[in-house]
Amino acid sequence: MQTPGTGEGIVVVTPPIGDGRLADNIVYFGRVLRKAGLKPGPGAVADAISAVSVIGIGSREEFHAALSAIFVKRHEDQPVFDEAFRLFWRSRDLVEKMIAMMSPVALDSSEREKAKAGASRVSDALFAARDRSSRERDEPDIEIDARMTVSGSEVLRRTDFAQMTADELSEARRQIERMAMPVDDIATRRHRPAPRSRHVDARAMMRAAMRTGGDLILPRYRERRRRPPPVVVLADISGSMSQYTRIFLHFLHVLTERRRQVHTFLFGTRLTNVTRQMRNRDPDEAIDQCTGVVRDWSGGTRIGETFREFNHKWARRVLGQGAIVLLITDGLEREGTELLAAETDRLHRSCRRLIWLNPLLRFEGFEARARGVRAILPHVDELRPVHNLNSLADLVAALSGTADDGGDRRRLINDLRRYQ
């Protein structure tokens, strides 16, 4: 067996388990998965070795299915496992990539392949030992002038959640916990006593005058009570959104701890209320409970049907008192968009503000061409990205009322008119 530190990759061989070579490969693969954010224990590694010894290695697909069934315990870990399996058990492509990185070649003008979700986490876990050993060698003392550079914190705030390493995701969660939550309130119908106000409380004046027999009448005032409006979240957990929804759930967990009346709903092909699970004090335990309750995590999506279910079953319960609705989805509806447009319009008329958070806005050339996007866009108040820490900070500013723009809605509305 050759380790990644030698630069020659790892080759899948099919000798019996007793000689130890394949077993060592599986043990090392389990360590890589653990560094990449998965949680395989020693028992899972032993089960994987036993499973491979029973079924044999008839094909690459069977080998992948056997390891996936043992190591993958959560739906959102599947993309990370697939990328780790591709890099770890394919030596030929790995060697070609290393040669291309280390050799001086001409710039390729062809379109680059889009980075897959979890690729940074897997490569960081796979080559961490090699990079650490190389840094421990003779390193020259280099003086760097950092006056015109950008701090690591600023780089992290601009990094896409789907391309963060495991350490960067942990740091992003810590920054979300330190993030100032929105401070906004609205006037309710109820009143409270006030020392000074434009509204005179005649009833309180009469009650106070009765104590002195009407000899002394002092003015009393009242004002409307103010309280933060409810926040209702509709988050898409389909395959294309799972990487962003999980980190956004950490933001919602912090918001739920510091604010009253935060209701969270997850949807793919069906709608699931996870408000109770999000009230768990431990964020990791809360998100694990959410993934356990949701049956269609990283599956398909039926946005129109789930919106209709929410409007019929939950709208009257949670959309009172000037509620704000946060809709996180890419808007890629597979079915007809007539139902989607009608239900989105009904949702918009039932709440005070409807804010659409779309991670596809991270692309500068994003246009309203998809049918689902064109069906949702006319019925939202704001359209914002939700792919990095800066976008979450902008969302907090928008909820607090300090942001005076409507996101990218105005630009896309103009594009929408061109396609109609």
Protein backbone atom coordinates (compact mmCIF):
# COMPACT_ATOMS: atom_id res chain seq x y z
CA MET A 1 0.00 0.00 0.00
CA GLN A 2 1.20 3.51 -0.86
CA THR A 3 -0.02 6.42 1.21
CA PRO A 4 -1.00 9.78 -0.30
CA GLY A 5 2.16 11.30 1.19
CA THR A 6 4.33 9.45 -1.31
CA GLY A 7 2.53 11.04 -4.28
CA GLU A 8 1.61 7.68 -5.86
CA GLY A 9 -1.95 7.31 -4.51
CA ILE A 10 -3.74 4.20 -3.28
CA VAL A 11 -4.62 1.24 -5.50
CA VAL A 12 -7.58 -1.03 -4.79
CA VAL A 13 -6.43 -4.64 -4.68
CA THR A 14 -8.46 -7.80 -4.21
CA PRO A 15 -6.38 -10.15 -2.06
CA PRO A 16 -7.97 -11.91 0.89
CA ILE A 17 -8.48 -9.81 4.01
CA GLY A 18 -6.06 -11.93 5.95
CA ASP A 19 -2.94 -10.42 4.39
CA GLY A 20 -3.92 -7.01 5.81
CA ARG A 21 -3.37 -4.78 2.79
CA LEU A 22 -7.03 -4.13 1.98
CA ALA A 23 -7.89 -3.93 5.66
CA ASP A 24 -5.22 -1.24 6.14
CA ASN A 25 -6.68 0.70 3.22
CA ILE A 26 -10.16 0.61 4.76
CA VAL A 27 -8.80 1.69 8.16
CA TYR A 28 -6.98 4.63 6.60
CA PHE A 29 -10.08 5.50 4.58
CA GLY A 30 -12.08 5.63 7.83
CA ARG A 31 -9.56 8.08 9.27
CA VAL A 32 -9.93 10.31 6.21
CA LEU A 33 -13.72 10.30 6.56
CA ARG A 34 -13.41 11.23 10.24
CA LYS A 35 -11.18 14.19 9.42
CA ALA A 36 -13.60 15.26 6.66
CA GLY A 37 -16.47 15.62 9.13
CA LEU A 38 -18.10 12.17 9.18
CA LYS A 39 -18.25 10.17 12.40
CA PRO A 40 -17.20 6.57 11.71
CA GLY A 41 -16.13 4.75 14.85
CA PRO A 42 -13.92 1.69 15.24
CA GLY A 43 -16.99 -0.53 15.06
CA ALA A 44 -17.94 0.91 11.66
CA VAL A 45 -14.43 0.26 10.32
CA ALA A 46 -14.57 -3.34 11.57
CA ASP A 47 -18.01 -3.78 9.99
CA ALA A 48 -16.69 -2.42 6.69
CA ILE A 49 -13.80 -4.90 6.68
CA SER A 50 -16.19 -7.75 7.47
CA ALA A 51 -18.66 -6.65 4.77
CA VAL A 52 -15.97 -6.47 2.10
CA SER A 53 -14.65 -9.90 3.10
CA VAL A 54 -18.16 -11.36 2.73
CA ILE A 55 -19.30 -9.77 -0.53
CA GLY A 56 -15.89 -9.56 -2.17
CA ILE A 57 -15.03 -6.86 -4.68
CA GLY A 58 -16.95 -7.78 -7.78
CA SER A 59 -17.16 -4.25 -9.12
CA ARG A 60 -16.44 -0.70 -8.11
CA GLU A 61 -20.17 0.03 -7.69
CA GLU A 62 -20.65 -2.86 -5.27
CA PHE A 63 -17.59 -1.82 -3.26
CA HIS A 64 -18.89 1.77 -3.10
CA ALA A 65 -22.35 0.63 -2.04
CA ALA A 66 -20.97 -1.58 0.75
CA LEU A 67 -18.81 1.17 2.26
CA SER A 68 -21.54 3.78 1.82
CA ALA A 69 -24.10 1.65 3.66
CA ILE A 70 -21.78 1.42 6.67
CA PHE A 71 -20.06 4.81 6.85
CA VAL A 72 -22.87 7.18 5.78
CA LYS A 73 -25.34 7.74 8.63
CA ARG A 74 -26.75 11.11 7.55
CA HIS A 75 -28.15 12.15 4.19
CA GLU A 76 -26.07 15.32 3.98
CA ASP A 77 -22.83 13.28 4.38
CA GLN A 78 -23.37 11.42 1.11
CA PRO A 79 -21.70 14.06 -1.16
CA VAL A 80 -18.65 14.18 1.14
CA PHE A 81 -18.39 10.37 1.15
CA ASP A 82 -18.70 10.18 -2.65
CA GLU A 83 -15.93 12.73 -3.13
CA ALA A 84 -13.69 10.98 -0.58
CA PHE A 85 -14.29 7.61 -2.26
CA ARG A 86 -13.48 9.07 -5.67
CA LEU A 87 -10.20 10.60 -4.50
CA PHE A 88 -9.09 7.78 -2.23
CA TRP A 89 -9.79 4.73 -4.40
CA ARG A 90 -8.75 6.08 -7.81
CA SER A 91 -4.99 6.34 -8.04
CA ARG A 92 -4.73 7.15 -11.75
CA ASP A 93 -6.73 10.38 -11.66
CA LEU A 94 -5.04 11.36 -8.41
CA VAL A 95 -1.56 11.02 -9.88
CA GLU A 96 -2.54 13.02 -12.96
CA LYS A 97 -3.93 15.81 -10.79
CA MET A 98 -0.76 15.91 -8.66
CA ILE A 99 1.47 16.04 -11.76
CA ALA A 100 -0.66 18.81 -13.24
CA MET A 101 -0.41 20.79 -10.03
CA MET A 102 3.36 20.39 -9.64
CA SER A 103 4.39 20.84 -13.29
CA PRO A 104 4.73 24.20 -15.06
CA VAL A 105 2.21 23.99 -17.92
CA ALA A 106 0.50 26.48 -20.15
CA LEU A 107 -2.73 28.00 -18.95
CA ASP A 108 -5.82 26.10 -20.08
CA SER A 109 -8.42 28.36 -21.65
CA SER A 110 -11.13 25.68 -21.55
CA GLU A 111 -13.96 25.85 -19.03
CA ARG A 112 -13.00 24.42 -15.67
CA GLU A 113 -15.04 21.74 -13.99
CA LYS A 114 -17.25 23.08 -11.20
CA ALA A 115 -15.98 22.14 -7.75
CA LYS A 116 -18.15 19.55 -6.07
CA ALA A 117 -19.68 20.04 -2.64
CA GLY A 118 -17.38 18.74 0.07
CA ALA A 119 -14.31 18.57 -2.16
CA SER A 120 -12.33 21.00 0.01
CA ARG A 121 -13.14 19.07 3.17
CA VAL A 122 -12.06 15.76 1.63
CA SER A 123 -8.83 17.04 0.09
CA ASP A 124 -7.91 18.80 3.34
CA ALA A 125 -8.49 15.58 5.29
CA LEU A 126 -6.72 13.39 2.73
CA PHE A 127 -3.53 15.44 2.44
CA ALA A 128 -3.39 16.95 5.95
CA ALA A 129 -0.67 14.55 7.13
CA ARG A 130 1.45 15.14 4.02
CA ASP A 131 1.18 18.91 4.27
CA ARG A 132 1.97 18.85 7.97
CA SER A 133 5.08 16.71 7.45
CA SER A 134 6.29 18.96 4.65
CA ARG A 135 5.88 22.05 6.83
CA GLU A 136 7.84 20.41 9.64
CA ARG A 137 10.89 20.13 7.37
CA ASP A 138 13.39 22.89 6.84
CA GLU A 139 11.31 25.99 6.43
CA PRO A 140 13.12 29.22 5.67
CA ASP A 141 12.29 32.29 7.70
CA ILE A 142 10.25 34.55 5.44
CA GLU A 143 9.26 38.07 6.33
CA ILE A 144 5.89 38.96 4.81
CA ASP A 145 4.60 42.45 4.39
CA ALA A 146 0.89 42.10 5.20
CA ARG A 147 -0.06 45.75 4.92
CA MET A 148 -1.91 45.24 1.60
CA THR A 149 -3.27 41.75 2.29
CA VAL A 150 -6.64 40.54 3.55
CA SER A 151 -7.06 38.86 6.93
CA GLY A 152 -8.05 35.22 7.17
CA SER A 153 -11.32 36.20 8.80
CA GLU A 154 -12.29 38.31 5.81
CA VAL A 155 -11.45 35.47 3.43
CA LEU A 156 -13.55 33.07 5.48
CA ARG A 157 -16.52 35.43 5.40
CA ARG A 158 -16.45 35.39 1.61
CA THR A 159 -15.92 31.63 1.24
CA ASP A 160 -18.81 29.56 -0.08
CA PHE A 161 -20.28 27.22 2.55
CA ALA A 162 -20.25 24.30 0.10
CA GLN A 163 -16.48 24.69 -0.47
CA MET A 164 -15.39 25.10 3.15
CA THR A 165 -13.17 22.55 4.85
CA ALA A 166 -14.22 20.89 8.10
CA ASP A 167 -12.13 23.34 10.15
CA GLU A 168 -13.57 26.31 8.25
CA LEU A 169 -17.12 25.08 8.86
CA SER A 170 -16.37 24.82 12.57
CA GLU A 171 -15.01 28.36 12.58
CA ALA A 172 -18.04 29.55 10.59
CA ARG A 173 -20.36 28.07 13.23
CA ARG A 174 -18.41 29.86 15.97
CA GLN A 175 -18.71 33.16 14.11
CA ILE A 176 -22.45 32.60 13.67
CA GLU A 177 -22.78 32.09 17.44
CA ARG A 178 -20.99 35.41 18.01
CA MET A 179 -23.08 37.19 15.37
CA ALA A 180 -25.43 39.92 16.57
CA MET A 181 -28.99 38.80 15.95
CA PRO A 182 -31.57 41.19 14.42
CA VAL A 183 -33.11 43.80 16.70
CA ASP A 184 -36.52 44.78 15.34
CA ASP A 185 -39.96 45.24 16.82
CA ILE A 186 -43.44 46.26 15.71
CA ALA A 187 -46.33 47.92 17.51
CA THR A 188 -49.03 45.56 18.75
CA ARG A 189 -52.69 46.25 19.54
CA ARG A 190 -52.13 46.11 23.29
CA HIS A 191 -51.11 49.12 25.37
CA ARG A 192 -48.99 49.74 28.45
CA PRO A 193 -48.59 52.72 30.84
CA ALA A 194 -46.12 55.37 29.69
CA PRO A 195 -44.71 58.48 31.43
CA ARG A 196 -45.13 60.60 28.29
CA SER A 197 -47.17 59.90 25.20
CA ARG A 198 -49.61 61.46 22.77
CA HIS A 199 -52.36 59.10 23.95
CA VAL A 200 -54.16 59.92 27.24
CA ASP A 201 -55.34 56.96 29.30
CA ALA A 202 -58.72 58.23 30.50
CA ARG A 203 -59.62 55.01 32.26
CA ALA A 204 -56.42 55.06 34.33
CA MET A 205 -57.05 58.73 35.17
CA MET A 206 -60.54 57.97 36.49
CA ARG A 207 -59.32 55.04 38.58
CA ALA A 208 -56.62 57.21 40.16
CA ALA A 209 -59.10 60.07 40.82
CA MET A 210 -61.48 57.73 42.68
CA ARG A 211 -58.85 57.28 45.38
CA THR A 212 -59.05 60.98 46.32
CA GLY A 213 -62.78 61.41 45.70
CA GLY A 214 -62.18 63.41 42.55
CA ASP A 215 -60.28 66.21 44.31
CA LEU A 216 -57.08 65.47 42.40
CA ILE A 217 -57.03 64.38 38.77
CA LEU A 218 -53.59 63.75 37.29
CA PRO A 219 -53.02 62.92 33.62
CA ARG A 220 -52.10 59.35 32.74
CA TYR A 221 -50.69 58.20 29.42
CA ARG A 222 -50.39 54.96 27.52
CA GLU A 223 -48.49 53.68 24.52
CA ARG A 224 -48.60 50.60 22.34
CA ARG A 225 -46.56 47.59 23.31
CA ARG A 226 -43.75 46.71 20.93
CA ARG A 227 -42.41 43.19 20.42
CA PRO A 228 -40.29 41.37 17.83
CA PRO A 229 -42.45 39.88 15.07
CA PRO A 230 -42.54 36.10 14.59
CA VAL A 231 -40.04 34.62 12.14
CA VAL A 232 -41.21 31.68 10.02
CA VAL A 233 -38.59 29.77 8.02
CA LEU A 234 -39.31 27.54 5.03
CA ALA A 235 -36.03 25.80 4.16
CA ASP A 236 -35.46 23.55 1.14
CA ILE A 237 -33.49 20.38 2.00
CA SER A 238 -33.37 18.83 -1.46
CA GLY A 239 -30.14 17.45 -2.91
CA SER A 240 -28.99 20.77 -4.36
CA MET A 241 -29.66 22.69 -1.13
CA SER A 242 -28.56 20.35 1.68
CA GLN A 243 -25.04 21.84 1.97
CA TYR A 244 -26.46 25.34 2.55
CA THR A 245 -29.48 24.32 4.63
CA ARG A 246 -27.37 22.62 7.32
CA ILE A 247 -25.18 25.66 8.04
CA PHE A 248 -28.28 27.89 7.83
CA LEU A 249 -29.88 25.71 10.52
CA HIS A 250 -27.01 26.69 12.82
CA PHE A 251 -27.94 30.32 12.23
CA LEU A 252 -31.59 29.52 12.96
CA HIS A 253 -30.61 27.70 16.16
CA VAL A 254 -28.86 30.82 17.45
CA LEU A 255 -31.83 32.93 16.38
CA THR A 256 -34.24 30.55 18.17
CA GLU A 257 -32.23 30.82 21.40
CA ARG A 258 -32.20 34.63 21.41
CA ARG A 259 -35.65 35.35 20.06
CA ARG A 260 -39.20 34.24 20.75
CA GLN A 261 -41.59 32.81 18.16
CA VAL A 262 -39.22 31.33 15.60
CA HIS A 263 -40.91 28.56 13.61
CA THR A 264 -38.84 26.33 11.31
CA PHE A 265 -40.21 24.13 8.52
CA LEU A 266 -38.15 21.92 6.19
CA PHE A 267 -39.44 20.73 2.85
CA GLY A 268 -38.37 18.54 -0.03
CA THR A 269 -41.17 16.39 -1.37
CA ARG A 270 -43.11 16.93 1.89
CA LEU A 271 -43.35 19.50 4.67
CA THR A 272 -41.88 18.83 8.13
CA ASN A 273 -42.19 21.04 11.21
CA VAL A 274 -38.90 20.97 13.17
CA THR A 275 -39.59 23.87 15.54
CA ARG A 276 -39.51 21.63 18.60
CA GLN A 277 -36.23 19.99 17.55
CA MET A 278 -34.59 23.39 16.99
CA ARG A 279 -35.25 24.36 20.62
CA ASN A 280 -32.68 21.87 21.86
CA ARG A 281 -29.89 23.77 23.63
CA ASP A 282 -27.10 21.82 21.91
CA PRO A 283 -26.86 22.89 18.23
CA ASP A 284 -25.39 19.62 16.94
CA GLU A 285 -28.01 17.59 18.77
CA ALA A 286 -30.77 19.85 17.45
CA ILE A 287 -29.64 19.47 13.84
CA ASP A 288 -29.19 15.70 14.23
CA GLN A 289 -32.76 15.49 15.51
CA CYS A 290 -33.94 17.50 12.49
CA THR A 291 -32.20 15.15 10.07
CA GLY A 292 -33.69 12.19 11.93
CA VAL A 293 -37.23 13.55 11.67
CA VAL A 294 -37.03 14.52 7.99
CA ARG A 295 -37.46 11.50 5.72
CA ASP A 296 -36.76 13.16 2.37
CA TRP A 297 -33.43 14.88 3.15
CA SER A 298 -31.28 15.38 0.02
CA GLY A 299 -34.09 14.02 -2.16
CA GLY A 300 -36.35 15.67 -4.70
CA THR A 301 -38.44 18.81 -4.31
CA ARG A 302 -42.09 19.77 -4.77
CA ILE A 303 -42.21 23.42 -3.83
CA GLY A 304 -45.78 24.13 -4.95
CA GLU A 305 -47.28 21.17 -3.07
CA THR A 306 -45.41 21.97 0.15
CA PHE A 307 -46.47 25.64 -0.05
CA ARG A 308 -50.10 24.56 -0.42
CA GLU A 309 -49.77 22.27 2.61
CA PHE A 310 -48.24 25.08 4.66
CA ASN A 311 -50.94 27.58 3.65
CA HIS A 312 -53.76 25.17 4.53
CA LYS A 313 -52.37 23.68 7.78
CA TRP A 314 -49.95 26.16 9.34
CA ALA A 315 -50.47 29.68 7.97
CA ARG A 316 -53.21 30.69 10.43
CA ARG A 317 -51.20 29.30 13.36
CA VAL A 318 -47.84 30.96 12.80
CA LEU A 319 -48.34 33.92 10.43
CA GLY A 320 -50.05 36.26 12.88
CA GLN A 321 -48.73 39.45 14.51
CA GLY A 322 -46.86 40.70 11.45
CA ALA A 323 -44.75 37.61 10.82
CA ILE A 324 -41.67 37.61 8.59
CA VAL A 325 -41.18 34.60 6.31
CA LEU A 326 -37.68 33.50 5.27
CA LEU A 327 -37.80 31.27 2.20
CA ILE A 328 -34.53 29.45 1.44
CA THR A 329 -34.62 27.56 -1.85
CA ASP A 330 -33.08 27.67 -5.30
CA GLY A 331 -36.54 27.79 -6.90
CA LEU A 332 -35.89 24.86 -9.25
CA GLU A 333 -39.39 23.36 -9.38
CA ARG A 334 -39.78 20.12 -11.34
CA GLU A 335 -43.57 20.18 -11.66
CA GLY A 336 -46.00 22.77 -13.01
CA THR A 337 -45.45 26.36 -11.89
CA GLU A 338 -49.11 27.48 -11.90
CA LEU A 339 -49.66 26.00 -8.45
CA LEU A 340 -46.33 27.40 -7.25
CA ALA A 341 -47.22 30.94 -8.36
CA ALA A 342 -50.68 30.80 -6.76
CA GLU A 343 -49.48 29.43 -3.42
CA THR A 344 -46.53 31.84 -3.24
CA ASP A 345 -48.93 34.73 -3.83
CA ARG A 346 -51.17 33.46 -1.03
CA LEU A 347 -48.16 33.12 1.28
CA HIS A 348 -47.06 36.66 0.44
CA ARG A 349 -50.48 38.10 1.27
CA SER A 350 -50.55 36.23 4.60
CA CYS A 351 -47.32 37.68 6.03
CA ARG A 352 -45.80 41.12 6.50
CA ARG A 353 -42.54 40.44 4.64
CA LEU A 354 -41.47 37.55 2.42
CA ILE A 355 -37.69 37.34 2.02
CA TRP A 356 -36.30 34.85 -0.51
CA LEU A 357 -32.79 33.51 0.21
CA ASN A 358 -31.35 31.89 -2.90
CA PRO A 359 -27.77 30.48 -2.92
CA LEU A 360 -27.72 30.65 -6.74
CA LEU A 361 -27.21 34.40 -6.42
CA ARG A 362 -23.56 33.67 -5.66
CA PHE A 363 -23.12 33.52 -9.44
CA GLU A 364 -22.76 36.97 -10.97
CA GLY A 365 -24.52 35.98 -14.18
CA PHE A 366 -27.61 34.55 -12.50
CA GLU A 367 -30.80 35.36 -14.43
CA ALA A 368 -34.47 34.60 -13.91
CA ARG A 369 -34.77 31.96 -16.62
CA ALA A 370 -35.94 28.93 -14.64
CA ARG A 371 -39.72 28.53 -14.55
CA GLY A 372 -39.78 28.13 -10.79
CA VAL A 373 -37.75 31.31 -10.28
CA ARG A 374 -40.07 33.26 -12.56
CA ALA A 375 -43.10 31.95 -10.65
CA ILE A 376 -41.80 32.93 -7.20
CA LEU A 377 -40.02 36.22 -7.96
CA PRO A 378 -43.05 38.55 -8.44
CA HIS A 379 -44.47 37.59 -5.03
CA VAL A 380 -41.47 38.24 -2.76
CA ASP A 381 -40.44 41.48 -1.09
CA GLU A 382 -36.68 40.87 -1.07
CA LEU A 383 -34.26 38.49 -2.78
CA ARG A 384 -30.89 37.84 -1.16
CA PRO A 385 -28.02 35.31 -1.38
CA VAL A 386 -27.31 32.88 1.46
CA HIS A 387 -24.01 31.18 0.63
CA ASN A 388 -21.43 32.70 3.01
CA LEU A 389 -21.07 34.60 6.28
CA ASN A 390 -21.31 37.99 4.60
CA SER A 391 -24.71 37.08 3.18
CA LEU A 392 -25.91 36.08 6.66
CA ALA A 393 -24.69 39.42 8.03
CA ASP A 394 -26.63 41.21 5.28
CA LEU A 395 -29.71 39.18 6.22
CA VAL A 396 -29.37 40.29 9.86
CA ALA A 397 -29.13 43.92 8.69
CA ALA A 398 -32.24 43.46 6.53
CA LEU A 399 -34.22 41.97 9.43
CA SER A 400 -33.08 44.77 11.71
CA GLY A 401 -34.29 47.37 9.24
CA THR A 402 -30.84 48.91 8.61
CA ALA A 403 -30.64 47.72 4.99
CA ASP A 404 -32.53 49.97 2.58
CA ASP A 405 -32.29 47.84 -0.55
CA GLY A 406 -34.38 44.91 -1.69
CA GLY A 407 -31.48 42.67 -2.57
CA ASP A 408 -31.31 41.58 -6.20
CA ARG A 409 -35.08 41.61 -6.72
CA ARG A 410 -35.22 44.82 -8.75
CA ARG A 411 -32.59 43.67 -11.23
CA LEU A 412 -34.22 40.27 -11.72
CA ILE A 413 -37.68 41.80 -12.08
CA ASN A 414 -36.35 43.72 -15.07
CA ASP A 415 -34.90 40.48 -16.46
CA LEU A 416 -38.25 38.79 -15.85
CA ARG A 417 -40.03 41.31 -18.04
CA ARG A 418 -37.70 40.48 -20.91
CA TYR A 419 -38.57 36.77 -20.78
CA GLN A 420 -42.34 37.35 -20.59
